[in-house]
Amino acid sequence: MSIRGTINRCVSNKYDRKDVNRLVRVCHMYAVSYLRLKRSSGNYFVIGNEKIEDLALDFIAELFQKEKDGSLVVLQGYFKDKDLKTSTDADVKIELRKLVFTKVDDNLFRYYGEKDPSLRKIIRNLKLAVRERNCSHAVCYRDGFLIVDKDEPGISTIMPADFMQMRLCSRIQGEMQIPEIIIHVIDIIREQDSYRNRFPLVILASIIRESFVILHDGTHPQKISPDAESNLLKDDLDKYIDDTVERIKNEIGPRYIKKGKLQPESVEHFFNAATDIVRDDFSEPDKGFSQYDHIRKYDENIDYEQYRREHRPVLEYLVKLIRKDLVSFFRKDWARF
């Protein structure tokens, strides 16, 4: 039995219980998969102690809202402009997934709002700030993300929340309003080329709230102030990065040579480039150099196509290892204030 036929009967009010039950099962499966993907990505909050299966069922319930005559109004409204007669089963499944994912995102917003009203207010203000900016083609809100410029499909990783928080905390001032903060977030996203040009709105709202709480908390006035990051970097960053790089190089450098991923003479080049990338990311973000620019400083014989084909994964992995250590260091150091 095709899903196209099931939906066609549901929207034309010619359905029976089996049709509805089948459609509920399919929508529930899509919703569960979508929520699991969000949870596993690390870019959304973990969903408390509630079972994802139960939340998914709650989130799709509105799709099956009935009028007095039994018509499924939400499904009818969505599919009224779709040509179900000429559409394939695959086409209809795509449309149904879009509907389910949109409904899940809407209900996640409500869920966070019910659990945390102050967070909901910040999310709403962020959405309004994005909508009111005079750059609708450059910045938008879609599918739970703030998206800046053209999102780069070749990069799969989204900026970790820790990095966004560290960069944003150095720019936030106590009297700033959401539109001003959005401008800084956009700048942070544009100033890098290691992550996708998008960031989860819920996580961004949480970062903003936490930053303001700490800024205005008189009991810990020095925990994270606009100068906290620069002071930390000034005293400790260079030494810590150098120590970290040396340790990682000793651990994995020989393995890369043995596997043929790097030549012995290239190990220093790649670790030097990775070190520069991480240092610039935290202390000189306005340089605007790409990762390819950094490796070319140490090996001018690497052309761009060779870099994309052979060397980019290696360099990105080294940068990832160094950054991971650096985040751990920042967490421990800030915890002492």
Protein backbone atom coordinates (compact mmCIF):
# COMPACT_ATOMS: atom_id res chain seq x y z
CA MET A 1 0.00 0.00 0.00
CA SER A 2 1.54 3.33 -1.08
CA ILE A 3 1.90 6.28 1.26
CA ARG A 4 0.62 8.47 -1.57
CA GLY A 5 -2.68 6.59 -1.61
CA THR A 6 -2.95 6.76 2.18
CA ILE A 7 -2.42 10.52 2.24
CA ASN A 8 -4.73 11.05 -0.70
CA ARG A 9 -7.54 9.33 1.18
CA CYS A 10 -6.77 11.21 4.39
CA VAL A 11 -6.85 14.65 2.77
CA SER A 12 -9.96 13.87 0.73
CA ASN A 13 -11.78 12.69 3.87
CA LYS A 14 -12.19 9.14 2.54
CA TYR A 15 -9.92 7.47 5.03
CA ASP A 16 -10.54 4.68 7.52
CA ARG A 17 -8.87 3.81 10.82
CA LYS A 18 -6.17 1.75 9.13
CA ASP A 19 -5.14 4.73 6.99
CA VAL A 20 -4.80 7.00 10.01
CA ASN A 21 -2.94 4.38 12.04
CA ARG A 22 -0.51 3.79 9.21
CA LEU A 23 0.09 7.50 8.73
CA VAL A 24 0.64 7.97 12.48
CA ARG A 25 3.25 5.19 12.44
CA VAL A 26 5.11 6.73 9.49
CA CYS A 27 5.05 10.27 10.94
CA HIS A 28 6.13 8.95 14.34
CA MET A 29 9.05 7.12 12.74
CA TYR A 30 10.15 10.33 10.96
CA ALA A 31 9.81 12.38 14.17
CA VAL A 32 11.77 9.88 16.29
CA SER A 33 14.57 9.74 13.71
CA TYR A 34 14.71 13.53 13.52
CA LEU A 35 14.86 13.96 17.30
CA ARG A 36 17.57 11.30 17.61
CA LEU A 37 19.58 13.08 14.94
CA LYS A 38 19.29 16.38 16.80
CA ARG A 39 20.29 14.78 20.09
CA SER A 40 23.28 12.91 18.65
CA SER A 41 24.57 15.93 16.75
CA GLY A 42 25.57 17.64 20.00
CA ASN A 43 24.12 20.89 18.74
CA TYR A 44 20.82 20.72 20.60
CA PHE A 45 20.08 20.30 24.27
CA VAL A 46 19.72 16.81 25.55
CA ILE A 47 16.01 16.20 26.00
CA GLY A 48 15.74 15.68 29.75
CA ASN A 49 14.51 12.36 31.08
CA GLU A 50 11.58 12.09 28.71
CA LYS A 51 11.59 9.33 26.13
CA ILE A 52 12.11 10.53 22.59
CA GLU A 53 9.38 8.17 21.41
CA ASP A 54 6.84 9.83 23.72
CA LEU A 55 7.92 13.34 22.74
CA ALA A 56 7.74 12.45 19.06
CA LEU A 57 4.16 11.25 19.49
CA ASP A 58 3.22 14.46 21.30
CA PHE A 59 4.91 16.59 18.65
CA ILE A 60 3.03 15.05 15.70
CA ALA A 61 -0.37 14.89 17.42
CA GLU A 62 -1.43 18.23 15.92
CA LEU A 63 -1.06 16.78 12.42
CA PHE A 64 -4.10 14.59 13.07
CA GLN A 65 -6.38 17.31 14.39
CA LYS A 66 -9.98 16.69 13.25
CA GLU A 67 -12.92 18.96 12.54
CA LYS A 68 -16.46 17.93 13.51
CA ASP A 69 -16.95 16.30 10.11
CA GLY A 70 -13.81 14.19 10.66
CA SER A 71 -11.62 16.08 8.17
CA LEU A 72 -7.91 16.19 8.99
CA VAL A 73 -7.47 19.94 8.63
CA VAL A 74 -3.71 20.23 9.10
CA LEU A 75 -2.94 17.56 6.51
CA GLN A 76 -5.52 19.02 4.15
CA GLY A 77 -4.07 22.50 4.50
CA TYR A 78 -0.53 21.31 3.78
CA PHE A 79 -1.31 19.06 0.83
CA LYS A 80 -4.03 21.16 -0.80
CA ASP A 81 -1.55 22.74 -3.21
CA LYS A 82 0.28 19.47 -3.92
CA ASP A 83 -0.71 17.42 -6.97
CA LEU A 84 -1.09 14.01 -5.37
CA LYS A 85 -2.35 12.43 -8.58
CA THR A 86 0.85 13.03 -10.53
CA SER A 87 3.28 12.85 -7.60
CA THR A 88 5.30 9.70 -7.01
CA ASP A 89 5.35 7.88 -3.70
CA ALA A 90 8.90 9.19 -3.16
CA ASP A 91 7.76 12.78 -3.77
CA VAL A 92 4.96 12.44 -1.23
CA LYS A 93 7.31 10.94 1.37
CA ILE A 94 9.63 13.93 0.96
CA GLU A 95 6.74 16.35 1.50
CA LEU A 96 5.53 14.39 4.51
CA ARG A 97 9.02 14.46 6.06
CA LYS A 98 9.18 18.23 5.57
CA LEU A 99 5.84 18.60 7.34
CA VAL A 100 6.88 16.36 10.24
CA PHE A 101 10.28 18.03 10.66
CA THR A 102 8.69 21.49 10.67
CA LYS A 103 6.18 20.39 13.28
CA VAL A 104 8.94 18.87 15.42
CA ASP A 105 10.97 22.10 15.28
CA ASP A 106 7.89 24.15 16.22
CA ASN A 107 7.12 21.92 19.15
CA LEU A 108 10.73 21.82 20.32
CA PHE A 109 10.52 25.58 20.64
CA ARG A 110 7.38 25.24 22.73
CA TYR A 111 8.97 22.44 24.74
CA TYR A 112 11.97 24.58 25.64
CA GLY A 113 9.65 27.47 26.41
CA GLU A 114 7.57 25.40 28.83
CA LYS A 115 10.68 24.09 30.54
CA ASP A 116 12.49 27.42 30.48
CA PRO A 117 10.44 30.60 29.83
CA SER A 118 13.44 32.95 29.94
CA LEU A 119 15.17 30.92 27.25
CA ARG A 120 12.07 31.06 25.10
CA LYS A 121 12.06 34.86 25.32
CA ILE A 122 15.65 35.05 24.09
CA ILE A 123 14.92 32.64 21.22
CA ARG A 124 11.93 34.72 20.18
CA ASN A 125 13.98 37.93 20.27
CA LEU A 126 16.72 36.28 18.21
CA LYS A 127 14.20 35.28 15.57
CA LEU A 128 12.82 38.82 15.46
CA ALA A 129 16.31 40.33 15.20
CA VAL A 130 17.17 38.11 12.25
CA ARG A 131 13.86 38.87 10.52
CA GLU A 132 14.26 42.62 10.93
CA ARG A 133 17.82 42.87 9.62
CA ASN A 134 18.19 44.45 6.17
CA CYS A 135 20.09 41.46 4.83
CA SER A 136 17.43 38.80 4.40
CA HIS A 137 19.38 37.14 1.60
CA ALA A 138 22.56 36.92 3.68
CA VAL A 139 21.17 35.91 7.07
CA CYS A 140 18.14 33.80 7.84
CA TYR A 141 16.55 31.45 10.37
CA ARG A 142 15.69 28.02 9.02
CA ASP A 143 15.21 24.53 10.48
CA GLY A 144 16.32 25.65 13.93
CA PHE A 145 19.53 27.32 12.71
CA LEU A 146 20.83 30.83 12.21
CA ILE A 147 22.33 30.60 8.70
CA VAL A 148 24.84 33.17 7.45
CA ASP A 149 25.49 33.75 3.75
CA LYS A 150 25.55 30.63 1.61
CA ASP A 151 25.96 27.57 3.79
CA GLU A 152 28.95 25.47 2.72
CA PRO A 153 27.69 21.91 1.98
CA GLY A 154 31.23 20.52 1.73
CA ILE A 155 31.82 21.12 5.44
CA SER A 156 29.84 18.85 7.74
CA THR A 157 30.87 20.11 11.18
CA ILE A 158 29.00 22.84 13.03
CA MET A 159 30.99 25.12 15.32
CA PRO A 160 31.09 23.62 18.85
CA ALA A 161 29.16 25.58 21.44
CA ASP A 162 32.34 26.03 23.49
CA PHE A 163 34.06 27.94 20.69
CA MET A 164 31.06 30.17 20.03
CA GLN A 165 30.81 30.94 23.73
CA MET A 166 34.50 31.81 24.07
CA ARG A 167 34.46 34.07 21.03
CA LEU A 168 31.14 35.73 21.87
CA CYS A 169 31.98 36.33 25.54
CA SER A 170 34.93 38.48 24.52
CA ARG A 171 32.58 40.77 22.58
CA ILE A 172 29.45 40.97 24.71
CA GLN A 173 29.00 44.02 26.91
CA GLY A 174 26.48 44.37 29.68
CA GLU A 175 24.13 46.83 27.95
CA MET A 176 24.01 45.15 24.54
CA GLN A 177 20.68 44.26 22.96
CA ILE A 178 19.92 41.15 20.89
CA PRO A 179 20.30 42.87 17.46
CA GLU A 180 23.82 44.00 18.42
CA ILE A 181 24.71 40.50 19.62
CA ILE A 182 23.41 38.99 16.37
CA ILE A 183 25.85 41.19 14.43
CA HIS A 184 28.75 39.81 16.50
CA VAL A 185 27.54 36.23 16.00
CA ILE A 186 27.40 36.80 12.24
CA ASP A 187 30.95 38.19 12.31
CA ILE A 188 32.20 35.19 14.29
CA ILE A 189 30.67 32.77 11.79
CA ARG A 190 32.06 34.70 8.82
CA GLU A 191 35.56 34.96 10.27
CA GLN A 192 36.18 31.21 10.09
CA ASP A 193 36.22 28.55 7.40
CA SER A 194 36.50 25.40 9.50
CA TYR A 195 32.79 24.98 10.31
CA ARG A 196 29.49 25.39 8.53
CA ASN A 197 28.02 28.86 8.28
CA ARG A 198 25.18 28.02 10.62
CA PHE A 199 24.59 27.75 14.35
CA PRO A 200 21.68 26.27 16.38
CA LEU A 201 19.42 29.04 17.64
CA VAL A 202 18.54 27.28 20.90
CA ILE A 203 22.21 26.79 21.77
CA LEU A 204 22.95 30.41 20.86
CA ALA A 205 20.14 31.58 23.17
CA SER A 206 21.59 29.51 26.00
CA ILE A 207 25.09 30.95 25.42
CA ILE A 208 23.75 34.51 25.46
CA ARG A 209 21.80 33.98 28.64
CA GLU A 210 24.70 32.31 30.44
CA SER A 211 27.07 35.07 29.37
CA PHE A 212 24.79 37.80 30.67
CA VAL A 213 24.14 35.98 33.93
CA ILE A 214 27.87 35.74 34.55
CA LEU A 215 28.53 39.33 33.48
CA HIS A 216 25.91 40.66 35.90
CA ASP A 217 26.55 38.24 38.76
CA GLY A 218 28.21 40.33 41.44
CA THR A 219 29.41 37.27 43.32
CA HIS A 220 31.66 36.24 40.40
CA PRO A 221 32.46 39.52 38.67
CA GLN A 222 35.61 38.16 37.07
CA LYS A 223 34.41 34.79 35.86
CA ILE A 224 33.84 35.79 32.24
CA SER A 225 34.11 39.47 31.43
CA PRO A 226 34.74 41.01 28.01
CA ASP A 227 38.50 40.90 28.79
CA ALA A 228 38.61 37.42 30.30
CA GLU A 229 39.53 35.62 27.11
CA SER A 230 42.22 38.10 26.09
CA ASN A 231 43.80 38.03 29.56
CA LEU A 232 43.85 34.26 29.56
CA LEU A 233 45.33 34.10 26.06
CA LYS A 234 47.96 36.71 26.91
CA ASP A 235 49.31 34.72 29.86
CA ASP A 236 48.88 31.09 28.95
CA LEU A 237 47.68 30.38 25.41
CA ASP A 238 50.96 30.24 23.53
CA LYS A 239 52.68 28.02 26.06
CA TYR A 240 49.70 25.70 26.35
CA ILE A 241 49.31 25.33 22.58
CA ASP A 242 53.00 24.60 22.14
CA ASP A 243 52.97 21.94 24.88
CA THR A 244 49.80 20.37 23.45
CA VAL A 245 51.13 20.31 19.88
CA GLU A 246 54.39 18.71 20.95
CA ARG A 247 52.55 15.97 22.84
CA ILE A 248 50.12 15.23 19.99
CA LYS A 249 52.94 15.29 17.44
CA ASN A 250 54.89 12.69 19.42
CA GLU A 251 51.78 10.52 19.76
CA ILE A 252 50.41 10.48 16.22
CA GLY A 253 53.23 11.79 13.99
CA PRO A 254 54.95 8.40 13.70
CA ARG A 255 51.60 6.71 12.93
CA TYR A 256 50.90 9.12 10.08
CA ILE A 257 54.35 8.47 8.63
CA LYS A 258 53.95 4.69 8.96
CA LYS A 259 50.54 4.76 7.22
CA GLY A 260 51.89 6.95 4.43
CA LYS A 261 49.56 9.85 5.17
CA LEU A 262 52.51 12.20 5.67
CA GLN A 263 56.15 12.19 4.64
CA PRO A 264 58.63 12.68 7.51
CA GLU A 265 59.54 16.16 6.27
CA SER A 266 55.84 17.13 6.09
CA VAL A 267 55.04 16.38 9.74
CA GLU A 268 56.56 19.66 10.96
CA HIS A 269 54.79 21.59 8.19
CA PHE A 270 51.36 20.27 9.07
CA PHE A 271 51.75 20.67 12.82
CA ASN A 272 53.08 24.20 12.37
CA ALA A 273 50.11 25.07 10.16
CA ALA A 274 47.65 23.50 12.62
CA THR A 275 49.24 25.45 15.47
CA ASP A 276 48.91 28.74 13.56
CA ILE A 277 45.27 28.01 12.70
CA VAL A 278 44.31 27.37 16.31
CA ARG A 279 46.29 30.34 17.62
CA ASP A 280 44.71 32.68 15.07
CA ASP A 281 41.27 31.30 15.84
CA PHE A 282 41.53 32.40 19.47
CA SER A 283 43.83 35.41 19.42
CA GLU A 284 43.78 36.97 15.95
CA PRO A 285 40.43 36.08 14.35
CA ASP A 286 40.51 38.96 11.87
CA LYS A 287 43.45 37.70 9.81
CA GLY A 288 41.14 36.01 7.33
CA PHE A 289 43.60 33.29 6.31
CA SER A 290 42.20 29.95 5.13
CA GLN A 291 43.64 26.64 6.26
CA TYR A 292 45.13 26.25 2.81
CA ASP A 293 46.90 29.62 3.22
CA HIS A 294 48.44 28.37 6.45
CA ILE A 295 49.83 25.13 5.02
CA ARG A 296 51.18 27.01 1.98
CA LYS A 297 53.31 29.13 4.32
CA TYR A 298 55.27 25.98 5.16
CA ASP A 299 55.04 24.05 1.88
CA GLU A 300 54.64 26.11 -1.28
CA ASN A 301 54.61 22.98 -3.44
CA ILE A 302 51.10 21.95 -2.31
CA ASP A 303 48.58 23.15 -4.90
CA TYR A 304 44.94 23.67 -3.99
CA GLU A 305 43.55 20.55 -5.71
CA GLN A 306 46.17 18.37 -4.05
CA TYR A 307 45.32 19.94 -0.70
CA ARG A 308 41.58 19.31 -1.14
CA ARG A 309 42.14 15.76 -2.35
CA GLU A 310 44.89 14.51 -0.01
CA HIS A 311 45.83 16.86 2.80
CA ARG A 312 42.73 18.68 4.01
CA PRO A 313 41.39 15.79 6.17
CA VAL A 314 44.81 15.42 7.85
CA LEU A 315 45.14 19.12 8.65
CA GLU A 316 41.54 19.40 9.86
CA TYR A 317 42.03 16.40 12.16
CA LEU A 318 45.17 17.89 13.70
CA VAL A 319 43.39 21.20 14.25
CA LYS A 320 40.47 19.34 15.84
CA LEU A 321 42.76 17.53 18.30
CA ILE A 322 44.50 20.74 19.36
CA ARG A 323 41.23 22.63 19.74
CA LYS A 324 39.73 19.83 21.81
CA ASP A 325 42.61 20.08 24.27
CA LEU A 326 42.32 23.85 24.32
CA VAL A 327 38.61 23.75 25.18
CA SER A 328 39.35 21.40 28.07
CA PHE A 329 42.03 23.80 29.28
CA PHE A 330 39.69 26.80 29.12
CA ARG A 331 36.98 24.98 31.02
CA LYS A 332 39.34 24.07 33.87
CA ASP A 333 40.94 27.50 33.97
CA TRP A 334 37.67 29.45 34.00
CA ALA A 335 36.33 27.17 36.71
CA ARG A 336 38.96 28.58 39.09
CA PHE A 337 37.67 32.17 38.92
